[in-house]
């Protein structure tokens, strides 16, 4: 298994643990509101920034595992070469999407870091630059993942969707 897939799996585990921690935070916030009429300060800001970051941390493994949203109603009836060309086109579009995200996020990440931009008022202010940095970093990872999937597909290292759904099928063997 390649290092990039191990990193993608690690990021996925980080996002799962982070989600569990957020669940405890929400339960604690609701409990404190109910029992003591005192919410945990900053819960809204933490949740708001965490959801975006968690989502982007899961993107690389979704790409490598073939779990990105797709429909196969037309491609199932096509010959293997056409399916491979369509997978390549889809991966190139994915590269374009993540390059556009990177292009749109990088300047705002730099600005947020430079000026120390925060979100929230009062007792807890959450810095914005880590979220924007995660979006930028995972966009780079997304571009690299889609490009690597094209290479693997054209080298014959991926199973066709009709044989085994999920791109990691042959990578793990």
Protein backbone atom coordinates (compact mmCIF):
# COMPACT_ATOMS: atom_id res chain seq x y z
CA UNK A 1 0.00 0.00 0.00
CA UNK A 2 1.38 3.39 -0.99
CA UNK A 3 2.35 6.10 1.45
CA UNK A 4 -0.31 8.41 0.04
CA UNK A 5 -3.04 5.91 0.91
CA UNK A 6 -1.63 5.47 4.43
CA UNK A 7 -1.69 9.25 4.85
CA UNK A 8 -5.26 9.38 3.52
CA UNK A 9 -6.32 6.69 6.00
CA UNK A 10 -4.56 8.52 8.85
CA UNK A 11 -6.39 11.75 7.93
CA UNK A 12 -9.64 9.81 7.87
CA UNK A 13 -8.96 8.46 11.37
CA UNK A 14 -8.12 11.97 12.58
CA UNK A 15 -11.43 13.23 11.20
CA UNK A 16 -13.33 10.37 12.87
CA UNK A 17 -11.72 11.05 16.26
CA UNK A 18 -12.38 14.76 15.80
CA UNK A 19 -16.04 14.02 15.03
CA UNK A 20 -16.29 11.93 18.20
CA UNK A 21 -14.76 14.77 20.23
CA UNK A 22 -17.30 17.17 18.73
CA UNK A 23 -20.11 14.82 19.73
CA UNK A 24 -18.86 14.91 23.32
CA UNK A 25 -18.64 18.71 23.12
CA UNK A 26 -22.25 18.96 21.93
CA UNK A 27 -23.49 16.58 24.63
CA UNK A 28 -21.53 18.56 27.23
CA UNK A 29 -22.87 21.86 25.95
CA UNK A 30 -26.47 20.64 26.00
CA UNK A 31 -26.01 19.06 29.45
CA UNK A 32 -24.46 22.20 30.92
CA UNK A 33 -27.27 24.31 29.43
CA UNK A 34 -29.90 22.00 30.89
CA UNK A 35 -28.35 21.37 34.30
CA UNK A 36 -26.56 24.63 35.06
CA UNK A 37 -28.03 27.11 32.56
CA UNK A 38 -24.44 27.72 31.44
CA UNK A 39 -23.39 26.60 27.96
CA UNK A 40 -19.80 25.75 27.12
CA UNK A 41 -18.33 28.96 25.67
CA UNK A 42 -17.34 28.83 22.00
CA UNK A 43 -19.16 25.62 21.12
CA UNK A 44 -20.80 27.20 18.07
CA UNK A 45 -17.51 28.57 16.73
CA UNK A 46 -15.66 25.31 17.30
CA UNK A 47 -18.38 23.29 15.55
CA UNK A 48 -18.66 25.75 12.70
CA UNK A 49 -14.96 25.55 11.88
CA UNK A 50 -14.57 21.85 12.61
CA UNK A 51 -17.25 20.60 10.23
CA UNK A 52 -15.52 22.14 7.22
CA UNK A 53 -12.11 20.81 8.24
CA UNK A 54 -13.44 17.31 8.98
CA UNK A 55 -15.11 17.18 5.57
CA UNK A 56 -11.94 18.13 3.75
CA UNK A 57 -9.82 15.67 5.75
CA UNK A 58 -11.99 12.85 4.38
CA UNK A 59 -11.58 13.79 0.71
CA UNK A 60 -8.30 11.95 -0.06
CA UNK A 61 -9.54 8.56 1.14
CA UNK A 62 -12.84 9.09 -0.66
CA UNK A 63 -10.91 9.60 -3.90
CA UNK A 64 -8.60 6.60 -3.39
CA UNK A 65 -11.44 4.29 -2.36
CA UNK A 66 -13.60 5.26 -5.33
CA UNK A 67 -16.25 6.69 -3.01
CA UNK A 68 -16.71 10.07 -4.65
CA UNK A 69 -20.23 10.54 -5.93
CA UNK A 70 -20.73 9.01 -9.36
CA UNK A 71 -23.38 7.27 -11.33
CA UNK A 72 -22.73 4.29 -13.53
CA UNK A 73 -26.03 3.92 -15.35
CA UNK A 74 -24.47 4.85 -18.71
CA UNK A 75 -20.94 3.56 -18.21
CA UNK A 76 -22.05 0.02 -17.30
CA UNK A 77 -23.11 -0.52 -20.91
CA UNK A 78 -19.88 0.82 -22.42
CA UNK A 79 -16.73 -1.09 -23.34
CA UNK A 80 -13.81 -1.04 -20.88
CA UNK A 81 -11.71 1.44 -22.90
CA UNK A 82 -14.54 3.99 -22.94
CA UNK A 83 -15.07 3.51 -19.18
CA UNK A 84 -11.36 4.12 -18.63
CA UNK A 85 -11.50 7.28 -20.76
CA UNK A 86 -14.54 8.50 -18.80
CA UNK A 87 -12.76 7.77 -15.49
CA UNK A 88 -9.80 9.78 -16.76
CA UNK A 89 -12.07 12.66 -17.77
CA UNK A 90 -13.77 12.56 -14.37
CA UNK A 91 -10.39 12.56 -12.61
CA UNK A 92 -9.22 15.51 -14.73
CA UNK A 93 -12.40 17.38 -13.78
CA UNK A 94 -11.68 16.51 -10.14
CA UNK A 95 -8.16 17.91 -10.53
CA UNK A 96 -9.65 21.07 -12.01
CA UNK A 97 -12.12 21.42 -9.15
CA UNK A 98 -9.46 21.09 -6.47
CA UNK A 99 -7.09 23.42 -8.34
CA UNK A 100 -9.89 26.00 -8.44
CA UNK A 101 -10.48 25.51 -4.70
CA UNK A 102 -6.78 25.97 -4.05
CA UNK A 103 -6.67 29.07 -6.24
CA UNK A 104 -9.67 30.53 -4.40
CA UNK A 105 -8.55 29.57 -0.90
CA UNK A 106 -4.83 30.33 -0.91
CA UNK A 107 -5.08 34.17 -0.89
CA UNK A 108 -7.69 34.14 1.89
CA UNK A 109 -5.54 31.69 3.89
CA UNK A 110 -2.54 34.00 3.56
CA UNK A 111 -4.60 37.04 4.57
CA UNK A 112 -6.18 35.27 7.54
CA UNK A 113 -2.77 34.11 8.76
CA UNK A 114 -1.12 37.50 8.22
CA UNK A 115 -3.77 39.56 10.04
CA UNK A 116 -4.64 36.93 12.65
CA UNK A 117 -8.30 36.71 11.62
CA UNK A 118 -10.61 35.20 14.22
CA UNK A 119 -14.21 34.10 14.27
CA UNK A 120 -16.46 34.62 17.24
CA UNK A 121 -16.87 37.27 19.85
CA UNK A 122 -16.61 37.22 23.60
CA UNK A 123 -15.16 34.36 25.58
CA UNK A 124 -13.71 32.28 22.75
CA UNK A 125 -12.31 33.45 19.45
CA UNK A 126 -11.33 30.73 16.98
CA UNK A 127 -8.58 31.45 14.41
CA UNK A 128 -9.74 31.10 10.81
CA UNK A 129 -6.41 30.32 9.14
CA UNK A 130 -6.23 26.63 10.19
CA UNK A 131 -9.53 25.91 8.44
CA UNK A 132 -8.49 27.73 5.29
CA UNK A 133 -5.10 26.04 5.46
CA UNK A 134 -6.75 22.62 5.72
CA UNK A 135 -8.91 23.39 2.69
CA UNK A 136 -5.83 24.45 0.72
CA UNK A 137 -3.77 21.42 1.84
CA UNK A 138 -6.54 18.94 1.13
CA UNK A 139 -7.13 20.57 -2.25
CA UNK A 140 -3.48 19.88 -3.11
CA UNK A 141 -3.94 16.32 -1.83
CA UNK A 142 -7.10 16.01 -3.95
CA UNK A 143 -5.27 17.08 -7.11
CA UNK A 144 -2.43 14.65 -6.39
CA UNK A 145 -4.87 11.83 -5.57
CA UNK A 146 -6.82 12.24 -8.79
CA UNK A 147 -3.62 12.48 -10.83
CA UNK A 148 -2.28 9.32 -9.15
CA UNK A 149 -5.55 7.50 -9.84
CA UNK A 150 -5.19 8.34 -13.54
CA UNK A 151 -1.66 6.91 -13.55
CA UNK A 152 -2.74 3.77 -11.73
CA UNK A 153 -5.75 3.30 -13.99
CA UNK A 154 -3.71 3.55 -17.20
CA UNK A 155 -1.06 1.21 -15.79
CA UNK A 156 -3.81 -1.36 -15.19
CA UNK A 157 -3.41 -1.32 -11.42
CA UNK A 158 -7.08 -0.58 -10.71
CA UNK A 159 -9.92 -3.01 -11.18
CA UNK A 160 -12.78 -1.98 -13.43
CA UNK A 161 -15.91 -0.89 -11.56
CA UNK A 162 -17.87 -3.80 -12.99
CA UNK A 163 -15.34 -6.26 -11.55
CA UNK A 164 -15.04 -4.67 -8.11
CA UNK A 165 -16.47 -1.31 -7.08
CA UNK A 166 -13.94 0.78 -5.19
CA UNK A 167 -10.53 1.85 -6.42
CA UNK A 168 -8.52 0.38 -3.55
CA UNK A 169 -9.43 -3.19 -4.48
CA UNK A 170 -6.21 -3.99 -6.33
CA UNK A 171 -3.99 -1.51 -4.44
CA UNK A 172 -4.29 -3.50 -1.24
CA UNK A 173 -3.17 -6.80 -2.79
